[in-house]
Amino acid sequence: MFKSVSEIPTDKRSRHGKEAKLDAKFKLFVSDHINPWIESHAIRDNSSIEYIAGGLTVAELMLLVCLKAFVVPRKDPCEAYKNALDKEQLTSSYQLHQEEKSLRRIEQKQDVDEC
């Protein structure tokens, strides 16, 4: 018989060397179709977060949600602030907005507590 383990031949059943080879472009197309995750359009330069592409059915979305958690994209950076001439006015209006937001939340909490 065999003298050592290294002399045992490999099993070659159903391996005749004539398997159909798929084109690399086709493999990439199928992979992109199956993997619909895309980068954010707003922060592509410095983001590793991926978002779900559009055009999916509800069942596909639910499957993706179960398989991989995803986040809502951040808001796009406002070009109006970057190009504004009077940034102090924008900053003061933003501070006023933040104060009003906190007051609204306090009132909402009080309303909930009263109910």
C-alpha atoms as a PDB file:
ATOM      1  CA  MET A   1       0.000   0.000   0.000  1.00  0.00           C
ATOM      2  CA  PHE A   2       1.107   3.553   0.791  1.00  0.00           C
ATOM      3  CA  LYS A   3       4.268   4.140   2.719  1.00  0.00           C
ATOM      4  CA  SER A   4       3.281   7.509   4.266  1.00  0.00           C
ATOM      5  CA  VAL A   5       0.473  10.040   4.444  1.00  0.00           C
ATOM      6  CA  SER A   6       2.144  12.252   1.853  1.00  0.00           C
ATOM      7  CA  GLU A   7       1.704   9.558  -0.793  1.00  0.00           C
ATOM      8  CA  ILE A   8      -2.122   9.489  -0.576  1.00  0.00           C
ATOM      9  CA  PRO A   9      -3.489  10.922  -3.823  1.00  0.00           C
ATOM     10  CA  THR A  10      -5.988  13.776  -3.681  1.00  0.00           C
ATOM     11  CA  ASP A  11      -9.613  13.088  -4.434  1.00  0.00           C
ATOM     12  CA  LYS A  12     -10.297  14.182  -8.008  1.00  0.00           C
ATOM     13  CA  ARG A  13     -13.947  13.220  -8.336  1.00  0.00           C
ATOM     14  CA  SER A  14     -15.989  15.789 -10.313  1.00  0.00           C
ATOM     15  CA  ARG A  15     -12.840  17.777 -11.040  1.00  0.00           C
ATOM     16  CA  HIS A  16     -12.117  17.354 -14.699  1.00  0.00           C
ATOM     17  CA  GLY A  17     -10.525  20.785 -15.231  1.00  0.00           C
ATOM     18  CA  LYS A  18     -13.174  22.038 -17.639  1.00  0.00           C
ATOM     19  CA  GLU A  19     -15.227  24.148 -15.229  1.00  0.00           C
ATOM     20  CA  ALA A  20     -16.879  27.188 -16.764  1.00  0.00           C
ATOM     21  CA  LYS A  21     -14.989  30.372 -15.922  1.00  0.00           C
ATOM     22  CA  LEU A  22     -16.978  33.538 -15.301  1.00  0.00           C
ATOM     23  CA  ASP A  23     -15.781  36.845 -16.657  1.00  0.00           C
ATOM     24  CA  ALA A  24     -14.450  39.232 -13.974  1.00  0.00           C
ATOM     25  CA  LYS A  25     -16.775  42.008 -15.210  1.00  0.00           C
ATOM     26  CA  PHE A  26     -19.772  39.730 -14.782  1.00  0.00           C
ATOM     27  CA  LYS A  27     -18.692  38.814 -11.253  1.00  0.00           C
ATOM     28  CA  LEU A  28     -18.339  42.509 -10.396  1.00  0.00           C
ATOM     29  CA  PHE A  29     -21.767  43.279 -11.868  1.00  0.00           C
ATOM     30  CA  VAL A  30     -23.406  40.543  -9.806  1.00  0.00           C
ATOM     31  CA  SER A  31     -21.545  41.643  -6.686  1.00  0.00           C
ATOM     32  CA  ASP A  32     -22.664  45.260  -7.137  1.00  0.00           C
ATOM     33  CA  HIS A  33     -26.240  44.119  -7.709  1.00  0.00           C
ATOM     34  CA  ILE A  34     -26.255  42.014  -4.560  1.00  0.00           C
ATOM     35  CA  ASN A  35     -24.371  44.587  -2.469  1.00  0.00           C
ATOM     36  CA  PRO A  36     -26.347  47.844  -2.855  1.00  0.00           C
ATOM     37  CA  TRP A  37     -24.430  49.771  -0.209  1.00  0.00           C
ATOM     38  CA  ILE A  38     -23.077  53.153  -1.374  1.00  0.00           C
ATOM     39  CA  GLU A  39     -20.978  55.892   0.170  1.00  0.00           C
ATOM     40  CA  SER A  40     -22.523  59.133   1.341  1.00  0.00           C
ATOM     41  CA  HIS A  41     -22.749  61.770  -1.368  1.00  0.00           C
ATOM     42  CA  ALA A  42     -21.909  64.557   1.073  1.00  0.00           C
ATOM     43  CA  ILE A  43     -18.818  63.283   2.877  1.00  0.00           C
ATOM     44  CA  ARG A  44     -17.204  60.779   0.547  1.00  0.00           C
ATOM     45  CA  ASP A  45     -13.694  62.040   1.168  1.00  0.00           C
ATOM     46  CA  ASN A  46     -13.495  61.173   4.845  1.00  0.00           C
ATOM     47  CA  SER A  47     -16.274  58.694   5.545  1.00  0.00           C
ATOM     48  CA  SER A  48     -16.323  54.947   5.823  1.00  0.00           C
ATOM     49  CA  ILE A  49     -20.075  54.829   6.470  1.00  0.00           C
ATOM     50  CA  GLU A  50     -22.169  53.177   3.792  1.00  0.00           C
ATOM     51  CA  TYR A  51     -25.823  53.840   3.028  1.00  0.00           C
ATOM     52  CA  ILE A  52     -28.505  51.807   1.301  1.00  0.00           C
ATOM     53  CA  ALA A  53     -29.026  52.630  -2.363  1.00  0.00           C
ATOM     54  CA  GLY A  54     -32.514  53.405  -3.614  1.00  0.00           C
ATOM     55  CA  GLY A  55     -34.688  51.181  -5.753  1.00  0.00           C
ATOM     56  CA  LEU A  56     -35.107  48.281  -3.337  1.00  0.00           C
ATOM     57  CA  THR A  57     -38.314  46.551  -2.328  1.00  0.00           C
ATOM     58  CA  VAL A  58     -39.562  46.582   1.245  1.00  0.00           C
ATOM     59  CA  ALA A  59     -38.608  42.934   1.680  1.00  0.00           C
ATOM     60  CA  GLU A  60     -35.074  43.617   0.472  1.00  0.00           C
ATOM     61  CA  LEU A  61     -34.785  46.608   2.810  1.00  0.00           C
ATOM     62  CA  MET A  62     -35.937  44.554   5.785  1.00  0.00           C
ATOM     63  CA  LEU A  63     -33.432  41.858   4.920  1.00  0.00           C
ATOM     64  CA  LEU A  64     -30.638  44.424   4.701  1.00  0.00           C
ATOM     65  CA  VAL A  65     -31.681  46.002   7.992  1.00  0.00           C
ATOM     66  CA  CYS A  66     -31.481  42.621   9.675  1.00  0.00           C
ATOM     67  CA  LEU A  67     -28.117  41.817   8.115  1.00  0.00           C
ATOM     68  CA  LYS A  68     -26.353  45.143   8.543  1.00  0.00           C
ATOM     69  CA  ALA A  69     -27.144  48.163  10.655  1.00  0.00           C
ATOM     70  CA  PHE A  70     -27.166  51.405   8.752  1.00  0.00           C
ATOM     71  CA  VAL A  71     -27.297  55.068   9.714  1.00  0.00           C
ATOM     72  CA  VAL A  72     -29.094  58.072   8.335  1.00  0.00           C
ATOM     73  CA  PRO A  73     -26.711  60.325   6.410  1.00  0.00           C
ATOM     74  CA  ARG A  74     -25.647  63.548   8.033  1.00  0.00           C
ATOM     75  CA  LYS A  75     -27.056  66.767   6.719  1.00  0.00           C
ATOM     76  CA  ASP A  76     -25.251  68.238   3.771  1.00  0.00           C
ATOM     77  CA  PRO A  77     -22.926  71.081   4.712  1.00  0.00           C
ATOM     78  CA  CYS A  78     -24.620  74.389   4.086  1.00  0.00           C
ATOM     79  CA  GLU A  79     -22.913  76.345   1.349  1.00  0.00           C
ATOM     80  CA  ALA A  80     -24.786  79.498   2.390  1.00  0.00           C
ATOM     81  CA  TYR A  81     -22.755  79.739   5.600  1.00  0.00           C
ATOM     82  CA  LYS A  82     -19.429  79.165   3.895  1.00  0.00           C
ATOM     83  CA  ASN A  83     -20.108  81.872   1.307  1.00  0.00           C
ATOM     84  CA  ALA A  84     -21.840  84.341   3.660  1.00  0.00           C
ATOM     85  CA  LEU A  85     -20.416  87.821   4.084  1.00  0.00           C
ATOM     86  CA  ASP A  86     -21.880  88.469   7.554  1.00  0.00           C
ATOM     87  CA  LYS A  87     -21.165  85.315   9.537  1.00  0.00           C
ATOM     88  CA  GLU A  88     -21.864  87.001  12.896  1.00  0.00           C
ATOM     89  CA  GLN A  89     -25.517  87.459  11.968  1.00  0.00           C
ATOM     90  CA  LEU A  90     -25.795  83.803  10.981  1.00  0.00           C
ATOM     91  CA  THR A  91     -24.096  82.749  14.215  1.00  0.00           C
ATOM     92  CA  SER A  92     -26.432  84.878  16.333  1.00  0.00           C
ATOM     93  CA  SER A  93     -29.509  83.525  14.531  1.00  0.00           C
ATOM     94  CA  TYR A  94     -28.211  79.998  15.107  1.00  0.00           C
ATOM     95  CA  GLN A  95     -27.731  80.692  18.839  1.00  0.00           C
ATOM     96  CA  LEU A  96     -31.279  82.089  19.023  1.00  0.00           C
ATOM     97  CA  HIS A  97     -32.559  78.975  17.280  1.00  0.00           C
ATOM     98  CA  GLN A  98     -30.747  76.736  19.786  1.00  0.00           C
ATOM     99  CA  GLU A  99     -32.210  78.659  22.739  1.00  0.00           C
ATOM    100  CA  GLU A 100     -35.732  78.423  21.315  1.00  0.00           C
ATOM    101  CA  LYS A 101     -35.225  74.717  20.714  1.00  0.00           C
ATOM    102  CA  SER A 102     -34.228  74.116  24.322  1.00  0.00           C
ATOM    103  CA  LEU A 103     -37.223  76.165  25.564  1.00  0.00           C
ATOM    104  CA  ARG A 104     -39.566  74.144  23.339  1.00  0.00           C
ATOM    105  CA  ARG A 105     -38.174  70.909  24.713  1.00  0.00           C
ATOM    106  CA  ILE A 106     -38.647  72.110  28.293  1.00  0.00           C
ATOM    107  CA  GLU A 107     -42.267  73.060  27.541  1.00  0.00           C
ATOM    108  CA  GLN A 108     -42.859  69.720  25.856  1.00  0.00           C
ATOM    109  CA  LYS A 109     -41.460  67.856  28.851  1.00  0.00           C
ATOM    110  CA  GLN A 110     -43.702  69.853  31.191  1.00  0.00           C
ATOM    111  CA  ASP A 111     -46.746  69.050  29.040  1.00  0.00           C
ATOM    112  CA  VAL A 112     -45.901  65.357  29.111  1.00  0.00           C
ATOM    113  CA  ASP A 113     -45.423  65.417  32.884  1.00  0.00           C
ATOM    114  CA  GLU A 114     -48.811  67.128  33.374  1.00  0.00           C
ATOM    115  CA  CYS A 115     -50.631  64.442  31.396  1.00  0.00           C
END
